N, C-alpha and C. Protein backbone atom coordinates (compact mmCIF):
# COMPACT_ATOMS: atom_id res chain seq x y z
N UNK A 1 84.53 -17.87 -34.13
CA UNK A 1 85.98 -16.87 -34.66
C UNK A 1 84.88 -15.91 -35.97
N UNK A 2 84.47 -14.24 -35.37
CA UNK A 2 84.18 -13.18 -37.43
C UNK A 2 84.75 -13.33 -38.00
N UNK A 3 84.68 -13.31 -39.15
CA UNK A 3 85.53 -12.58 -40.29
C UNK A 3 86.12 -11.48 -40.18
N UNK A 4 87.38 -11.29 -40.84
CA UNK A 4 87.48 -9.99 -40.48
C UNK A 4 87.04 -9.28 -41.79
N UNK A 5 86.08 -9.82 -42.70
CA UNK A 5 85.53 -8.52 -43.23
C UNK A 5 83.84 -7.89 -42.37
N UNK A 6 83.60 -8.99 -41.48
CA UNK A 6 82.55 -8.30 -41.11
C UNK A 6 83.21 -8.06 -39.96
N UNK A 7 84.59 -7.90 -39.34
CA UNK A 7 84.73 -6.91 -37.88
C UNK A 7 84.73 -6.02 -38.71
N UNK A 8 85.75 -4.99 -40.23
CA UNK A 8 85.67 -3.71 -40.72
C UNK A 8 84.32 -3.33 -40.37
N UNK A 9 84.16 -4.36 -41.00
CA UNK A 9 81.97 -3.47 -40.75
C UNK A 9 81.22 -2.89 -40.65
N UNK A 10 82.01 -3.69 -39.17
CA UNK A 10 81.17 -3.73 -37.67
C UNK A 10 82.20 -2.23 -37.17
N UNK A 11 83.31 -2.39 -37.44
CA UNK A 11 83.69 -0.80 -37.30
C UNK A 11 83.55 0.69 -37.88
N UNK A 12 83.09 0.78 -39.75
CA UNK A 12 83.10 1.10 -39.91
C UNK A 12 81.72 2.13 -39.96
N UNK A 13 80.95 0.11 -39.32
CA UNK A 13 79.27 1.45 -38.81
C UNK A 13 79.82 2.53 -38.01
N UNK A 14 80.56 1.77 -36.71
CA UNK A 14 80.05 1.93 -35.51
C UNK A 14 81.46 3.87 -35.29
N UNK A 15 82.51 3.99 -36.25
CA UNK A 15 82.39 5.60 -36.73
C UNK A 15 81.44 6.01 -37.62
N UNK A 16 80.71 5.26 -38.09
CA UNK A 16 80.07 6.16 -39.19
C UNK A 16 79.18 6.59 -37.97
N UNK A 17 78.11 5.97 -36.62
CA UNK A 17 77.35 6.79 -35.80
C UNK A 17 78.11 7.55 -35.01
N UNK A 18 79.46 7.28 -34.20
CA UNK A 18 80.84 8.50 -33.60
C UNK A 18 80.16 9.87 -34.72
N UNK A 19 80.58 9.76 -35.96
CA UNK A 19 80.91 10.75 -36.68
C UNK A 19 79.41 11.60 -36.59
N UNK A 20 78.32 11.28 -37.03
CA UNK A 20 77.15 11.75 -36.79
C UNK A 20 76.34 12.32 -35.81
N UNK A 21 76.99 11.60 -34.78
CA UNK A 21 76.34 12.40 -33.70
C UNK A 21 76.86 13.17 -33.47
N UNK A 22 78.77 13.62 -33.23
CA UNK A 22 79.59 14.98 -33.55
C UNK A 22 79.05 15.95 -34.05
N UNK A 23 78.64 15.54 -35.33
CA UNK A 23 78.33 16.77 -36.14
C UNK A 23 77.01 16.87 -36.32
N UNK A 24 75.75 16.70 -35.24
CA UNK A 24 74.60 17.20 -35.46
C UNK A 24 74.62 16.14 -33.84
N UNK A 25 75.06 17.07 -32.90
CA UNK A 25 74.09 16.31 -31.78
C UNK A 25 73.19 16.57 -31.35
N UNK A 26 72.40 17.85 -31.17
CA UNK A 26 71.01 18.46 -30.85
C UNK A 26 70.89 17.70 -31.91
N UNK A 27 70.87 16.64 -32.88
CA UNK A 27 69.81 15.65 -34.13
C UNK A 27 69.43 14.00 -32.74
N UNK A 28 70.76 14.02 -30.77
CA UNK A 28 70.18 13.47 -30.59
C UNK A 28 69.22 13.34 -30.01
N UNK A 29 68.50 15.28 -28.89
CA UNK A 29 68.21 15.93 -28.37
C UNK A 29 66.49 15.18 -27.89
N UNK A 30 66.03 14.96 -27.29
CA UNK A 30 64.28 14.33 -27.79
C UNK A 30 64.09 13.16 -28.92
N UNK A 31 65.38 12.23 -28.45
CA UNK A 31 65.22 10.32 -29.33
C UNK A 31 64.43 9.96 -28.98
N UNK A 32 64.19 8.64 -29.15
CA UNK A 32 64.52 7.41 -28.78
C UNK A 32 64.81 7.07 -29.16
N UNK A 33 65.94 5.87 -28.63
CA UNK A 33 66.51 5.13 -29.02
C UNK A 33 66.42 3.54 -28.14
N UNK A 34 66.96 2.99 -29.27
CA UNK A 34 67.32 1.05 -28.78
C UNK A 34 68.52 1.11 -28.30
N UNK A 35 69.21 0.38 -27.83
CA UNK A 35 70.09 -0.08 -26.46
C UNK A 35 71.19 0.86 -27.24
N UNK A 36 71.40 -0.38 -28.18
CA UNK A 36 72.81 -0.07 -29.14
C UNK A 36 72.95 1.22 -28.78
N UNK A 37 72.06 2.50 -29.76
CA UNK A 37 72.24 3.46 -30.24
C UNK A 37 72.26 4.93 -28.52
N UNK A 38 71.43 4.43 -27.44
CA UNK A 38 72.03 4.97 -26.42
C UNK A 38 73.09 4.66 -24.89
N UNK A 39 73.57 3.90 -25.81
CA UNK A 39 75.16 3.10 -25.18
C UNK A 39 76.28 4.73 -26.54
N UNK A 40 75.98 4.78 -27.47
CA UNK A 40 76.41 5.88 -28.13
C UNK A 40 76.54 6.42 -27.12
N UNK A 41 75.34 7.47 -27.56
CA UNK A 41 74.64 8.74 -26.79
C UNK A 41 76.33 9.07 -25.04
N UNK A 42 75.48 8.36 -24.81
CA UNK A 42 75.56 8.14 -23.51
C UNK A 42 77.64 7.96 -23.13
N UNK A 43 77.31 7.57 -24.43
CA UNK A 43 79.37 6.78 -23.97
C UNK A 43 79.16 6.02 -22.72
N UNK A 44 78.60 5.21 -23.08
CA UNK A 44 78.42 3.52 -21.49
C UNK A 44 78.30 2.47 -22.53
N UNK A 45 79.27 1.49 -21.88
CA UNK A 45 78.71 0.23 -22.24
C UNK A 45 77.99 -0.56 -22.31
N UNK A 46 77.16 -2.19 -22.66
CA UNK A 46 76.46 -2.55 -22.89
C UNK A 46 75.99 -2.69 -20.84
N UNK A 47 77.06 -3.74 -20.50
CA UNK A 47 76.73 -3.90 -18.65
C UNK A 47 76.24 -2.65 -18.46
N UNK A 48 77.10 -0.85 -18.65
CA UNK A 48 76.28 -0.57 -17.52
C UNK A 48 75.28 0.03 -18.34
N UNK A 49 74.82 -0.29 -18.87
CA UNK A 49 73.31 -0.38 -19.81
C UNK A 49 72.57 -1.14 -19.23
N UNK A 50 72.78 -2.35 -19.10
CA UNK A 50 71.65 -3.81 -18.44
C UNK A 50 71.72 -2.84 -16.69
N UNK A 51 73.09 -2.17 -16.62
CA UNK A 51 72.78 -2.08 -14.77
C UNK A 51 71.91 -1.01 -14.53
N UNK A 52 72.14 -0.44 -15.46
CA UNK A 52 71.02 1.00 -14.65
C UNK A 52 69.88 0.98 -15.08
N UNK A 53 69.67 -0.22 -15.96
CA UNK A 53 67.98 -0.93 -16.42
C UNK A 53 67.78 -1.57 -14.43
N UNK A 54 68.25 -2.59 -14.15
CA UNK A 54 68.11 -3.04 -12.81
C UNK A 54 67.47 -1.77 -12.18
N UNK A 55 68.51 -0.40 -12.28
CA UNK A 55 68.75 -0.01 -10.95
C UNK A 55 66.99 1.26 -10.78
N UNK A 56 66.80 1.28 -13.11
CA UNK A 56 65.56 1.66 -12.47
C UNK A 56 65.23 2.46 -13.70
N UNK A 57 66.08 2.66 -14.69
CA UNK A 57 66.41 3.71 -15.39
C UNK A 57 65.08 3.92 -15.85
N UNK A 58 64.41 5.07 -16.39
CA UNK A 58 63.25 4.98 -17.17
C UNK A 58 63.24 3.70 -19.18
N UNK A 59 62.35 3.04 -18.43
CA UNK A 59 62.41 2.64 -20.17
C UNK A 59 61.13 2.98 -21.24
N UNK A 60 60.83 3.82 -22.14
CA UNK A 60 59.60 3.59 -22.44
C UNK A 60 59.52 2.17 -23.40
N UNK A 61 60.19 1.65 -23.52
CA UNK A 61 58.85 0.74 -24.18
C UNK A 61 59.76 -1.12 -24.04
N UNK A 62 59.35 -1.56 -23.11
CA UNK A 62 60.89 -3.11 -22.12
C UNK A 62 60.29 -3.69 -23.87
N UNK A 63 62.26 -4.72 -24.26
CA UNK A 63 62.32 -5.13 -25.22
C UNK A 63 62.02 -6.34 -24.96
N UNK A 64 61.95 -7.23 -26.15
CA UNK A 64 61.75 -8.91 -26.44
C UNK A 64 63.09 -9.61 -27.30
N UNK A 65 62.73 -11.12 -27.55
CA UNK A 65 62.13 -11.05 -28.94
C UNK A 65 62.00 -10.41 -30.17
N UNK A 66 60.80 -10.75 -29.86
CA UNK A 66 60.47 -9.96 -31.48
C UNK A 66 60.25 -8.06 -31.37
N UNK A 67 60.16 -7.60 -30.37
CA UNK A 67 60.43 -6.23 -29.97
C UNK A 67 61.76 -5.05 -29.33
N UNK A 68 62.02 -4.42 -29.79
CA UNK A 68 63.05 -3.60 -29.37
C UNK A 68 62.84 -2.20 -29.40
N UNK A 69 64.16 -2.77 -27.75
CA UNK A 69 63.76 -2.20 -26.38
C UNK A 69 63.60 -0.57 -27.09
N UNK A 70 63.03 0.36 -26.44
CA UNK A 70 63.00 2.62 -26.27
C UNK A 70 63.35 3.22 -25.21
N UNK A 71 64.11 3.72 -25.30
CA UNK A 71 64.36 4.41 -24.17
C UNK A 71 64.20 6.41 -24.94
N UNK A 72 64.27 7.21 -23.91
CA UNK A 72 64.09 8.46 -24.24
C UNK A 72 64.69 9.05 -23.64
N UNK A 73 65.71 10.01 -24.82
CA UNK A 73 66.50 10.17 -24.60
C UNK A 73 67.12 11.61 -22.86
N UNK A 74 66.33 12.36 -22.93
CA UNK A 74 66.34 13.42 -22.07
C UNK A 74 66.08 12.85 -20.57
N UNK A 75 65.27 11.23 -20.76
CA UNK A 75 65.01 10.78 -19.96
C UNK A 75 65.97 10.32 -18.52
N UNK A 76 66.39 9.36 -19.90
CA UNK A 76 67.32 8.81 -19.67
C UNK A 76 68.36 10.00 -18.75
N UNK A 77 69.14 11.16 -19.59
CA UNK A 77 70.03 11.94 -18.56
C UNK A 77 69.38 11.82 -17.70
N UNK A 78 68.53 12.52 -17.64
CA UNK A 78 68.41 13.00 -16.14
C UNK A 78 68.20 12.44 -15.09
N UNK A 79 67.68 11.11 -15.24
CA UNK A 79 67.80 10.53 -14.59
C UNK A 79 69.27 10.49 -13.85
N UNK A 80 70.02 9.65 -14.95
CA UNK A 80 71.39 8.97 -14.34
C UNK A 80 72.27 10.40 -14.14
N UNK A 81 72.15 11.52 -14.52
CA UNK A 81 72.75 13.10 -13.74
C UNK A 81 71.49 13.12 -11.70
N UNK A 82 70.33 12.73 -12.17
CA UNK A 82 69.74 12.37 -10.15
C UNK A 82 70.55 12.21 -10.07
N UNK A 83 70.98 10.51 -10.54
CA UNK A 83 71.72 9.60 -9.93
C UNK A 83 73.33 9.57 -9.54
N UNK A 84 73.11 10.96 -10.37
CA UNK A 84 75.72 10.44 -9.84
C UNK A 84 76.72 10.09 -10.73
N UNK A 85 75.62 8.78 -12.01
CA UNK A 85 76.68 9.18 -13.32
C UNK A 85 77.16 10.07 -14.42
N UNK A 86 78.38 9.91 -14.47
CA UNK A 86 78.41 11.24 -15.50
C UNK A 86 78.28 10.84 -17.07
N UNK A 87 77.53 11.42 -17.74
CA UNK A 87 76.99 11.35 -18.37
C UNK A 87 77.88 12.19 -19.93
N UNK A 88 77.95 11.53 -21.46
CA UNK A 88 78.21 12.46 -22.17
C UNK A 88 77.17 13.14 -22.92
């Protein structure tokens, strides 16, 4: 079980990212993002993202234990809209 301090810090980090997304939404355009940032930008959860990857969503670089996943936000949004998914 995680400590309450850990949970408070995680909550603050999430609020900070959402705040900066709302204030400067155009900054998210044409960006290369990791899995966590992509879920925030699209307003989806991690399970949905993994499902989309299996369905053929464009991935810039596949991650592994030593390397981060990378996604082009514009390409992912285009793919999602073409497949009928509602994204933020």
